[in-house]
Every structure is written in C-alpha cells, then in structure tokens.
Amino acid sequence: MGQELPVTSYALLGLLTFGDALTGYELKQRADATLRFYWVSPR
C-alpha cells in the first residue's frame, strides 16, 4: 500500500475541499477559525 499521510495533511485537505481559491494567509486564517488550537505554524 502507499505511504500514510500525516494527520495535518488531512486537516489541510479538508480545508481545501470548500472550493475557494485561498492564499496561504487565508488558509491559515480559516484554519485558526475552524481548527482552533490544532493548527500550529510559525509566526
């Protein structure tokens, strides 16, 4: 079978399924609003 994806990959793919064309900043804002403390990124 293929290589497993990290859990964060599934979260990111889930955010991308809404069909909006998002910039990296917009994607981070959506993740902050919907995933709360799950998503961590350097500032």
PDB file of N, CA and C in Angstrom:
ATOM      1  N   MET A   1       0.824  -1.178   0.000  1.00  0.00           N
ATOM      2  CA  MET A   1       0.000   0.000   0.000  1.00  0.00           C
ATOM      3  C   MET A   1       0.876   1.253   0.000  1.00  0.00           C
ATOM      4  N   GLY A   2       0.301   2.419  -0.211  1.00  0.00           N
ATOM      5  CA  GLY A   2       1.041   3.671  -0.280  1.00  0.00           C
ATOM      6  C   GLY A   2       1.438   4.191   1.083  1.00  0.00           C
ATOM      7  N   GLN A   3       2.166   5.270   1.061  1.00  0.00           N
ATOM      8  CA  GLN A   3       2.641   5.895   2.286  1.00  0.00           C
ATOM      9  C   GLN A   3       1.494   6.658   2.957  1.00  0.00           C
ATOM     10  N   GLU A   4       1.406   6.549   4.269  1.00  0.00           N
ATOM     11  CA  GLU A   4       0.371   7.243   5.029  1.00  0.00           C
ATOM     12  C   GLU A   4       0.675   8.741   5.114  1.00  0.00           C
ATOM     13  N   LEU A   5      -0.366   9.545   5.066  1.00  0.00           N
ATOM     14  CA  LEU A   5      -0.215  10.986   5.215  1.00  0.00           C
ATOM     15  C   LEU A   5      -0.269  11.359   6.689  1.00  0.00           C
ATOM     16  N   PRO A   6       0.446  12.416   7.086  1.00  0.00           N
ATOM     17  CA  PRO A   6       0.318  12.905   8.462  1.00  0.00           C
ATOM     18  C   PRO A   6      -1.089  13.455   8.693  1.00  0.00           C
ATOM     19  N   VAL A   7      -1.510  13.488   9.928  1.00  0.00           N
ATOM     20  CA  VAL A   7      -2.846  13.961  10.277  1.00  0.00           C
ATOM     21  C   VAL A   7      -3.051  15.401   9.800  1.00  0.00           C
ATOM     22  N   THR A   8      -2.012  16.229   9.889  1.00  0.00           N
ATOM     23  CA  THR A   8      -2.152  17.617   9.455  1.00  0.00           C
ATOM     24  C   THR A   8      -2.453  17.720   7.962  1.00  0.00           C
ATOM     25  N   SER A   9      -1.999  16.739   7.195  1.00  0.00           N
ATOM     26  CA  SER A   9      -2.309  16.734   5.759  1.00  0.00           C
ATOM     27  C   SER A   9      -3.797  16.565   5.526  1.00  0.00           C
ATOM     28  N   TYR A  10      -4.422  15.702   6.302  1.00  0.00           N
ATOM     29  CA  TYR A  10      -5.866  15.505   6.172  1.00  0.00           C
ATOM     30  C   TYR A  10      -6.630  16.769   6.575  1.00  0.00           C
ATOM     31  N   ALA A  11      -6.145  17.448   7.605  1.00  0.00           N
ATOM     32  CA  ALA A  11      -6.787  18.699   8.021  1.00  0.00           C
ATOM     33  C   ALA A  11      -6.674  19.743   6.916  1.00  0.00           C
ATOM     34  N   LEU A  12      -5.509  19.854   6.306  1.00  0.00           N
ATOM     35  CA  LEU A  12      -5.297  20.811   5.222  1.00  0.00           C
ATOM     36  C   LEU A  12      -6.158  20.458   4.010  1.00  0.00           C
ATOM     37  N   LEU A  13      -6.210  19.193   3.651  1.00  0.00           N
ATOM     38  CA  LEU A  13      -7.048  18.773   2.522  1.00  0.00           C
ATOM     39  C   LEU A  13      -8.518  19.053   2.808  1.00  0.00           C
ATOM     40  N   GLY A  14      -8.923  18.867   4.048  1.00  0.00           N
ATOM     41  CA  GLY A  14     -10.300  19.175   4.429  1.00  0.00           C
ATOM     42  C   GLY A  14     -10.630  20.640   4.234  1.00  0.00           C
ATOM     43  N   LEU A  15      -9.690  21.514   4.590  1.00  0.00           N
ATOM     44  CA  LEU A  15      -9.914  22.950   4.401  1.00  0.00           C
ATOM     45  C   LEU A  15      -9.976  23.314   2.923  1.00  0.00           C
ATOM     46  N   LEU A  16      -9.235  22.614   2.099  1.00  0.00           N
ATOM     47  CA  LEU A  16      -9.201  22.909   0.667  1.00  0.00           C
ATOM     48  C   LEU A  16     -10.434  22.392  -0.080  1.00  0.00           C
ATOM     49  N   THR A  17     -11.214  21.520   0.545  1.00  0.00           N
ATOM     50  CA  THR A  17     -12.387  20.957  -0.144  1.00  0.00           C
ATOM     51  C   THR A  17     -13.537  21.942  -0.278  1.00  0.00           C
ATOM     52  N   PHE A  18     -13.446  23.096   0.370  1.00  0.00           N
ATOM     53  CA  PHE A  18     -14.522  24.074   0.256  1.00  0.00           C
ATOM     54  C   PHE A  18     -14.567  24.736  -1.110  1.00  0.00           C
ATOM     55  N   GLY A  19     -13.530  24.556  -1.930  1.00  0.00           N
ATOM     56  CA  GLY A  19     -13.545  25.031  -3.302  1.00  0.00           C
ATOM     57  C   GLY A  19     -13.104  26.469  -3.502  1.00  0.00           C
ATOM     58  N   ASP A  20     -12.786  27.157  -2.422  1.00  0.00           N
ATOM     59  CA  ASP A  20     -12.322  28.538  -2.556  1.00  0.00           C
ATOM     60  C   ASP A  20     -10.848  28.556  -2.952  1.00  0.00           C
ATOM     61  N   ALA A  21     -10.477  29.521  -3.755  1.00  0.00           N
ATOM     62  CA  ALA A  21      -9.060  29.730  -4.077  1.00  0.00           C
ATOM     63  C   ALA A  21      -8.481  30.593  -2.958  1.00  0.00           C
ATOM     64  N   LEU A  22      -7.665  29.987  -2.102  1.00  0.00           N
ATOM     65  CA  LEU A  22      -7.152  30.679  -0.931  1.00  0.00           C
ATOM     66  C   LEU A  22      -5.654  30.903  -1.031  1.00  0.00           C
ATOM     67  N   THR A  23      -5.217  32.043  -0.515  1.00  0.00           N
ATOM     68  CA  THR A  23      -3.778  32.262  -0.358  1.00  0.00           C
ATOM     69  C   THR A  23      -3.336  31.520   0.905  1.00  0.00           C
ATOM     70  N   GLY A  24      -2.039  31.437   1.117  1.00  0.00           N
ATOM     71  CA  GLY A  24      -1.535  30.803   2.328  1.00  0.00           C
ATOM     72  C   GLY A  24      -2.035  31.495   3.580  1.00  0.00           C
ATOM     73  N   TYR A  25      -2.072  32.823   3.539  1.00  0.00           N
ATOM     74  CA  TYR A  25      -2.562  33.599   4.682  1.00  0.00           C
ATOM     75  C   TYR A  25      -4.037  33.303   4.950  1.00  0.00           C
ATOM     76  N   GLU A  26      -4.848  33.271   3.898  1.00  0.00           N
ATOM     77  CA  GLU A  26      -6.276  32.997   4.060  1.00  0.00           C
ATOM     78  C   GLU A  26      -6.511  31.583   4.581  1.00  0.00           C
ATOM     79  N   LEU A  27      -5.709  30.654   4.119  1.00  0.00           N
ATOM     80  CA  LEU A  27      -5.813  29.278   4.587  1.00  0.00           C
ATOM     81  C   LEU A  27      -5.489  29.202   6.078  1.00  0.00           C
ATOM     82  N   LYS A  28      -4.457  29.928   6.504  1.00  0.00           N
ATOM     83  CA  LYS A  28      -4.095  29.969   7.926  1.00  0.00           C
ATOM     84  C   LYS A  28      -5.218  30.594   8.742  1.00  0.00           C
ATOM     85  N   GLN A  29      -5.840  31.657   8.236  1.00  0.00           N
ATOM     86  CA  GLN A  29      -6.949  32.294   8.942  1.00  0.00           C
ATOM     87  C   GLN A  29      -8.130  31.338   9.080  1.00  0.00           C
ATOM     88  N   ARG A  30      -8.438  30.605   8.028  1.00  0.00           N
ATOM     89  CA  ARG A  30      -9.543  29.634   8.081  1.00  0.00           C
ATOM     90  C   ARG A  30      -9.212  28.508   9.060  1.00  0.00           C
ATOM     91  N   ALA A  31      -7.974  28.060   9.052  1.00  0.00           N
ATOM     92  CA  ALA A  31      -7.564  27.006   9.984  1.00  0.00           C
ATOM     93  C   ALA A  31      -7.683  27.504  11.418  1.00  0.00           C
ATOM     94  N   ASP A  32      -7.273  28.733  11.681  1.00  0.00           N
ATOM     95  CA  ASP A  32      -7.390  29.295  13.025  1.00  0.00           C
ATOM     96  C   ASP A  32      -8.846  29.358  13.467  1.00  0.00           C
ATOM     97  N   ALA A  33      -9.738  29.693  12.551  1.00  0.00           N
ATOM     98  CA  ALA A  33     -11.150  29.844  12.893  1.00  0.00           C
ATOM     99  C   ALA A  33     -11.861  28.503  13.052  1.00  0.00           C
ATOM    100  N   THR A  34     -11.440  27.493  12.314  1.00  0.00           N
ATOM    101  CA  THR A  34     -12.169  26.228  12.333  1.00  0.00           C
ATOM    102  C   THR A  34     -11.473  25.124  13.117  1.00  0.00           C
ATOM    103  N   LEU A  35     -10.161  25.100  13.095  1.00  0.00           N
ATOM    104  CA  LEU A  35      -9.428  24.026  13.771  1.00  0.00           C
ATOM    105  C   LEU A  35      -8.937  24.435  15.151  1.00  0.00           C
ATOM    106  N   ARG A  36      -9.028  25.680  15.466  1.00  0.00           N
ATOM    107  CA  ARG A  36      -8.614  26.258  16.743  1.00  0.00           C
ATOM    108  C   ARG A  36      -7.170  25.931  17.075  1.00  0.00           C
ATOM    109  N   PHE A  37      -6.937  25.232  18.172  1.00  0.00           N
ATOM    110  CA  PHE A  37      -5.594  25.014  18.678  1.00  0.00           C
ATOM    111  C   PHE A  37      -4.892  23.842  18.019  1.00  0.00           C
ATOM    112  N   TYR A  38      -5.519  23.235  17.036  1.00  0.00           N
ATOM    113  CA  TYR A  38      -4.919  22.080  16.364  1.00  0.00           C
ATOM    114  C   TYR A  38      -3.804  22.502  15.422  1.00  0.00           C
ATOM    115  N   TRP A  39      -3.999  23.605  14.730  1.00  0.00           N
ATOM    116  CA  TRP A  39      -3.078  24.046  13.689  1.00  0.00           C
ATOM    117  C   TRP A  39      -1.994  24.943  14.287  1.00  0.00           C
ATOM    118  N   VAL A  40      -0.735  24.574  14.139  1.00  0.00           N
ATOM    119  CA  VAL A  40       0.365  25.379  14.677  1.00  0.00           C
ATOM    120  C   VAL A  40       1.273  25.759  13.521  1.00  0.00           C
ATOM    121  N   SER A  41       1.617  27.033  13.436  1.00  0.00           N
ATOM    122  CA  SER A  41       2.547  27.477  12.419  1.00  0.00           C
ATOM    123  C   SER A  41       3.419  28.587  12.997  1.00  0.00           C
ATOM    124  N   PRO A  42       4.620  28.734  12.481  1.00  0.00           N
ATOM    125  CA  PRO A  42       5.476  29.808  12.977  1.00  0.00           C
ATOM    126  C   PRO A  42       4.923  31.172  12.574  1.00  0.00           C
ATOM    127  N   ARG A  43       5.145  32.154  13.385  1.00  0.00           N
ATOM    128  CA  ARG A  43       4.632  33.498  13.094  1.00  0.00           C
ATOM    129  C   ARG A  43       5.719  34.403  12.660  1.00  0.00           C
TER     130      ARG A  43
END
